[in-house]
C-alpha atoms as a PDB file:
ATOM      1  CA  MET A   1      67.823  74.151  -7.594  1.00  0.00           C
ATOM      2  CA  THR A   2      67.655  72.306  -4.401  1.00  0.00           C
ATOM      3  CA  GLN A   3      70.604  71.744  -2.108  1.00  0.00           C
ATOM      4  CA  GLN A   4      71.264  68.448  -0.780  1.00  0.00           C
ATOM      5  CA  ARG A   5      71.938  68.574   2.965  1.00  0.00           C
ATOM      6  CA  ARG A   6      74.417  66.052   4.230  1.00  0.00           C
ATOM      7  CA  THR A   7      73.256  64.190   7.186  1.00  0.00           C
ATOM      8  CA  ARG A   8      75.667  64.180   9.910  1.00  0.00           C
ATOM      9  CA  THR A   9      76.276  60.786  11.569  1.00  0.00           C
ATOM     10  CA  LEU A  10      76.342  60.261  15.153  1.00  0.00           C
ATOM     11  CA  LYS A  11      80.073  59.849  15.105  1.00  0.00           C
ATOM     12  CA  ASP A  12      80.465  63.193  13.479  1.00  0.00           C
ATOM     13  CA  ARG A  13      78.241  64.924  16.073  1.00  0.00           C
ATOM     14  CA  LEU A  14      80.249  63.206  18.857  1.00  0.00           C
ATOM     15  CA  LYS A  15      83.471  64.381  17.326  1.00  0.00           C
ATOM     16  CA  THR A  16      82.074  68.051  17.207  1.00  0.00           C
ATOM     17  CA  ARG A  17      80.917  67.818  20.846  1.00  0.00           C
ATOM     18  CA  ILE A  18      84.205  66.619  21.967  1.00  0.00           C
ATOM     19  CA  ARG A  19      86.126  69.215  20.092  1.00  0.00           C
ATOM     20  CA  ARG A  20      83.936  71.996  21.569  1.00  0.00           C
ATOM     21  CA  ALA A  21      83.766  70.635  25.170  1.00  0.00           C
ATOM     22  CA  ARG A  22      85.421  72.516  27.973  1.00  0.00           C
ATOM     23  CA  GLY A  23      86.546  69.329  29.792  1.00  0.00           C
ATOM     24  CA  ASP A  24      88.901  66.657  28.570  1.00  0.00           C
ATOM     25  CA  VAL A  25      87.170  63.588  30.072  1.00  0.00           C
ATOM     26  CA  PHE A  26      83.828  62.294  28.801  1.00  0.00           C
ATOM     27  CA  VAL A  27      81.092  59.742  30.044  1.00  0.00           C
ATOM     28  CA  PRO A  28      78.347  58.346  27.665  1.00  0.00           C
ATOM     29  CA  ARG A  29      75.657  60.456  29.529  1.00  0.00           C
ATOM     30  CA  ASP A  30      77.380  63.639  28.186  1.00  0.00           C
ATOM     31  CA  PHE A  31      76.038  62.628  24.847  1.00  0.00           C
ATOM     32  CA  ALA A  32      72.674  61.212  25.856  1.00  0.00           C
ATOM     33  CA  ASP A  33      70.790  63.926  23.793  1.00  0.00           C
ATOM     34  CA  LEU A  34      72.629  62.776  20.632  1.00  0.00           C
ATOM     35  CA  GLY A  35      71.232  59.251  20.577  1.00  0.00           C
ATOM     36  CA  GLU A  36      70.468  56.008  22.320  1.00  0.00           C
ATOM     37  CA  TYR A  37      73.091  54.670  24.891  1.00  0.00           C
ATOM     38  CA  ASP A  38      74.117  51.721  22.675  1.00  0.00           C
ATOM     39  CA  SER A  39      74.518  53.837  19.432  1.00  0.00           C
ATOM     40  CA  VAL A  40      76.605  56.325  21.496  1.00  0.00           C
ATOM     41  CA  LYS A  41      78.894  53.518  22.994  1.00  0.00           C
ATOM     42  CA  ARG A  42      79.241  52.088  19.445  1.00  0.00           C
ATOM     43  CA  ALA A  43      80.357  55.507  18.045  1.00  0.00           C
ATOM     44  CA  LEU A  44      82.693  56.039  20.991  1.00  0.00           C
ATOM     45  CA  ARG A  45      84.307  52.646  20.183  1.00  0.00           C
ATOM     46  CA  GLN A  46      84.806  53.913  16.565  1.00  0.00           C
ATOM     47  CA  LEU A  47      86.401  57.104  17.873  1.00  0.00           C
ATOM     48  CA  ILE A  48      88.900  54.921  19.980  1.00  0.00           C
ATOM     49  CA  VAL A  49      89.818  52.943  16.846  1.00  0.00           C
ATOM     50  CA  GLU A  50      90.436  56.266  14.834  1.00  0.00           C
ATOM     51  CA  GLY A  51      92.580  57.585  17.754  1.00  0.00           C
ATOM     52  CA  GLU A  52      90.274  60.416  18.600  1.00  0.00           C
ATOM     53  CA  ILE A  53      89.723  59.487  22.250  1.00  0.00           C
ATOM     54  CA  ALA A  54      91.139  57.007  24.683  1.00  0.00           C
ATOM     55  CA  ARG A  55      89.281  54.684  27.053  1.00  0.00           C
ATOM     56  CA  LEU A  56      90.305  55.140  30.673  1.00  0.00           C
ATOM     57  CA  GLY A  57      87.938  52.769  32.170  1.00  0.00           C
ATOM     58  CA  TYR A  58      84.306  51.541  32.088  1.00  0.00           C
ATOM     59  CA  GLY A  59      82.357  54.424  30.599  1.00  0.00           C
ATOM     60  CA  VAL A  60      85.212  56.907  30.895  1.00  0.00           C
ATOM     61  CA  TYR A  61      86.920  58.405  27.807  1.00  0.00           C
ATOM     62  CA  ALA A  62      89.476  61.138  27.420  1.00  0.00           C
ATOM     63  CA  ARG A  63      90.639  63.465  24.665  1.00  0.00           C
ATOM     64  CA  VAL A  64      93.907  62.527  22.957  1.00  0.00           C
ATOM     65  CA  LYS A  65      96.334  64.244  20.601  1.00  0.00           C
ATOM     66  CA  THR A  66      99.381  63.097  18.510  1.00  0.00           C
ATOM     67  CA  ASN A  67     102.700  63.357  20.181  1.00  0.00           C
ATOM     68  CA  GLY A  68     104.967  65.415  17.998  1.00  0.00           C
ATOM     69  CA  LEU A  69     108.051  63.332  18.890  1.00  0.00           C
ATOM     70  CA  THR A  70     106.742  59.791  18.697  1.00  0.00           C
ATOM     71  CA  GLY A  71     103.657  60.197  16.443  1.00  0.00           C
ATOM     72  CA  ARG A  72     101.772  58.108  18.897  1.00  0.00           C
ATOM     73  CA  PRO A  73      98.516  59.231  20.653  1.00  0.00           C
ATOM     74  CA  MET A  74      98.864  60.733  24.115  1.00  0.00           C
ATOM     75  CA  LEU A  75      96.159  62.244  26.625  1.00  0.00           C
ATOM     76  CA  ALA A  76      95.378  65.749  25.886  1.00  0.00           C
ATOM     77  CA  VAL A  77      94.469  66.462  29.505  1.00  0.00           C
ATOM     78  CA  ARG A  78      95.995  69.167  31.463  1.00  0.00           C
ATOM     79  CA  GLY A  79      97.925  67.355  34.147  1.00  0.00           C
ATOM     80  CA  GLY A  80      98.178  64.169  32.142  1.00  0.00           C
ATOM     81  CA  PHE A  81      96.789  60.999  33.496  1.00  0.00           C
ATOM     82  CA  ASP A  82      96.552  62.440  37.057  1.00  0.00           C
ATOM     83  CA  GLY A  83      94.602  65.369  35.731  1.00  0.00           C
ATOM     84  CA  ALA A  84      92.366  62.883  33.853  1.00  0.00           C
ATOM     85  CA  VAL A  85      91.578  60.892  37.046  1.00  0.00           C
ATOM     86  CA  ARG A  86      90.870  64.183  38.996  1.00  0.00           C
ATOM     87  CA  GLN A  87      88.320  65.214  36.258  1.00  0.00           C
ATOM     88  CA  THR A  88      86.860  61.857  36.195  1.00  0.00           C
ATOM     89  CA  LEU A  89      86.214  61.760  39.860  1.00  0.00           C
ATOM     90  CA  SER A  90      84.814  65.274  39.984  1.00  0.00           C
ATOM     91  CA  LYS A  91      82.550  64.419  36.858  1.00  0.00           C
ATOM     92  CA  LEU A  92      81.146  61.249  38.506  1.00  0.00           C
ATOM     93  CA  LYS A  93      80.626  63.289  41.699  1.00  0.00           C
ATOM     94  CA  VAL A  94      82.943  61.196  43.942  1.00  0.00           C
ATOM     95  CA  ASP A  95      84.038  62.790  47.112  1.00  0.00           C
ATOM     96  CA  TRP A  96      87.844  62.530  47.074  1.00  0.00           C
ATOM     97  CA  ARG A  97      91.171  64.205  48.122  1.00  0.00           C
ATOM     98  CA  GLU A  98      94.859  63.576  47.586  1.00  0.00           C
ATOM     99  CA  SER A  99      96.445  60.777  49.278  1.00  0.00           C
ATOM    100  CA  ASP A 100      98.762  61.360  52.468  1.00  0.00           C
ATOM    101  CA  THR A 101     101.752  60.669  50.428  1.00  0.00           C
ATOM    102  CA  VAL A 102     100.931  63.501  47.905  1.00  0.00           C
ATOM    103  CA  ARG A 103     100.037  65.935  50.769  1.00  0.00           C
ATOM    104  CA  GLN A 104     103.430  65.114  52.415  1.00  0.00           C
ATOM    105  CA  TYR A 105     105.345  65.775  49.232  1.00  0.00           C
ATOM    106  CA  ASN A 106     103.294  69.206  48.523  1.00  0.00           C
ATOM    107  CA  ASN A 107     104.165  70.262  52.086  1.00  0.00           C
ATOM    108  CA  GLY A 108     107.917  69.361  51.641  1.00  0.00           C
ATOM    109  CA  ARG A 109     108.088  66.662  54.221  1.00  0.00           C
ATOM    110  CA  THR A 110     109.191  63.962  51.697  1.00  0.00           C
ATOM    111  CA  THR A 111     111.005  63.934  48.259  1.00  0.00           C
ATOM    112  CA  GLN A 112     109.285  60.680  47.014  1.00  0.00           C
ATOM    113  CA  VAL A 113     106.978  60.984  44.002  1.00  0.00           C
ATOM    114  CA  GLN A 114     104.508  58.351  43.433  1.00  0.00           C
ATOM    115  CA  ALA A 115     104.537  56.924  39.843  1.00  0.00           C
ATOM    116  CA  ASN A 116     100.851  56.116  39.812  1.00  0.00           C
ATOM    117  CA  PRO A 117      98.284  58.538  41.332  1.00  0.00           C
ATOM    118  CA  VAL A 118      96.648  57.608  44.628  1.00  0.00           C
ATOM    119  CA  PHE A 119      93.448  59.107  45.817  1.00  0.00           C
ATOM    120  CA  GLU A 120      91.404  58.824  49.008  1.00  0.00           C
ATOM    121  CA  VAL A 121      87.793  58.320  48.240  1.00  0.00           C
ATOM    122  CA  GLN A 122      85.216  58.930  50.777  1.00  0.00           C
ATOM    123  CA  SER A 123      82.368  57.034  49.132  1.00  0.00           C
ATOM    124  CA  ARG A 124      82.068  53.723  47.389  1.00  0.00           C
ATOM    125  CA  PHE A 125      84.061  53.835  44.178  1.00  0.00           C
ATOM    126  CA  ASN A 126      85.034  50.563  42.573  1.00  0.00           C
ATOM    127  CA  ARG A 127      86.241  51.413  39.103  1.00  0.00           C
ATOM    128  CA  LYS A 128      89.685  50.840  37.449  1.00  0.00           C
ATOM    129  CA  LEU A 129      91.077  53.793  35.626  1.00  0.00           C
ATOM    130  CA  ARG A 130      94.073  53.271  33.569  1.00  0.00           C
ATOM    131  CA  TYR A 131      95.992  54.390  30.446  1.00  0.00           C
ATOM    132  CA  ARG A 132      98.803  52.403  28.983  1.00  0.00           C
ATOM    133  CA  ASN A 133     101.011  51.429  31.918  1.00  0.00           C
ATOM    134  CA  LEU A 134      99.449  53.981  34.467  1.00  0.00           C
ATOM    135  CA  GLU A 135      96.751  52.894  36.839  1.00  0.00           C
ATOM    136  CA  ALA A 136      95.090  55.059  39.531  1.00  0.00           C
ATOM    137  CA  ARG A 137      94.575  53.508  42.980  1.00  0.00           C
ATOM    138  CA  PHE A 138      91.797  54.509  45.314  1.00  0.00           C
ATOM    139  CA  GLU A 139      92.070  54.031  49.046  1.00  0.00           C
ATOM    140  CA  LYS A 140      89.779  54.521  52.044  1.00  0.00           C
ATOM    141  CA  PRO A 141      90.895  57.300  54.187  1.00  0.00           C
ATOM    142  CA  TYR A 142      92.109  56.551  57.743  1.00  0.00           C
ATOM    143  CA  ALA A 143      89.753  57.592  60.461  1.00  0.00           C
END
């Protein structure tokens, strides 16, 4: 008796890779060994529709989970949207640091907290990262 082996679709393999991954932010090149770029992007779009991941920006995706109170999907990233932006910048090898306002708050010199994360980027970085009503801002550092 022969056993019929079910072929796993690219979407199934992406789900498995995302579930087993250490990080919470993904770019298409993380899945380059699974298939062609266009096929991977198509499967990622399907996962967005299914609520498995969220799109943060061009070629940047994050893990999501269902909020127990509202039943709506929310980022499943340690540190929320701010943590997702930090992981994204590190994954894309962008030289960055916290903005001056964040450093002042952490040092106790101000009590103002920024609603949207602001980062100083040393190199060229021209992407928009957003999730729902949150959007990260990127500034050039002062000399």
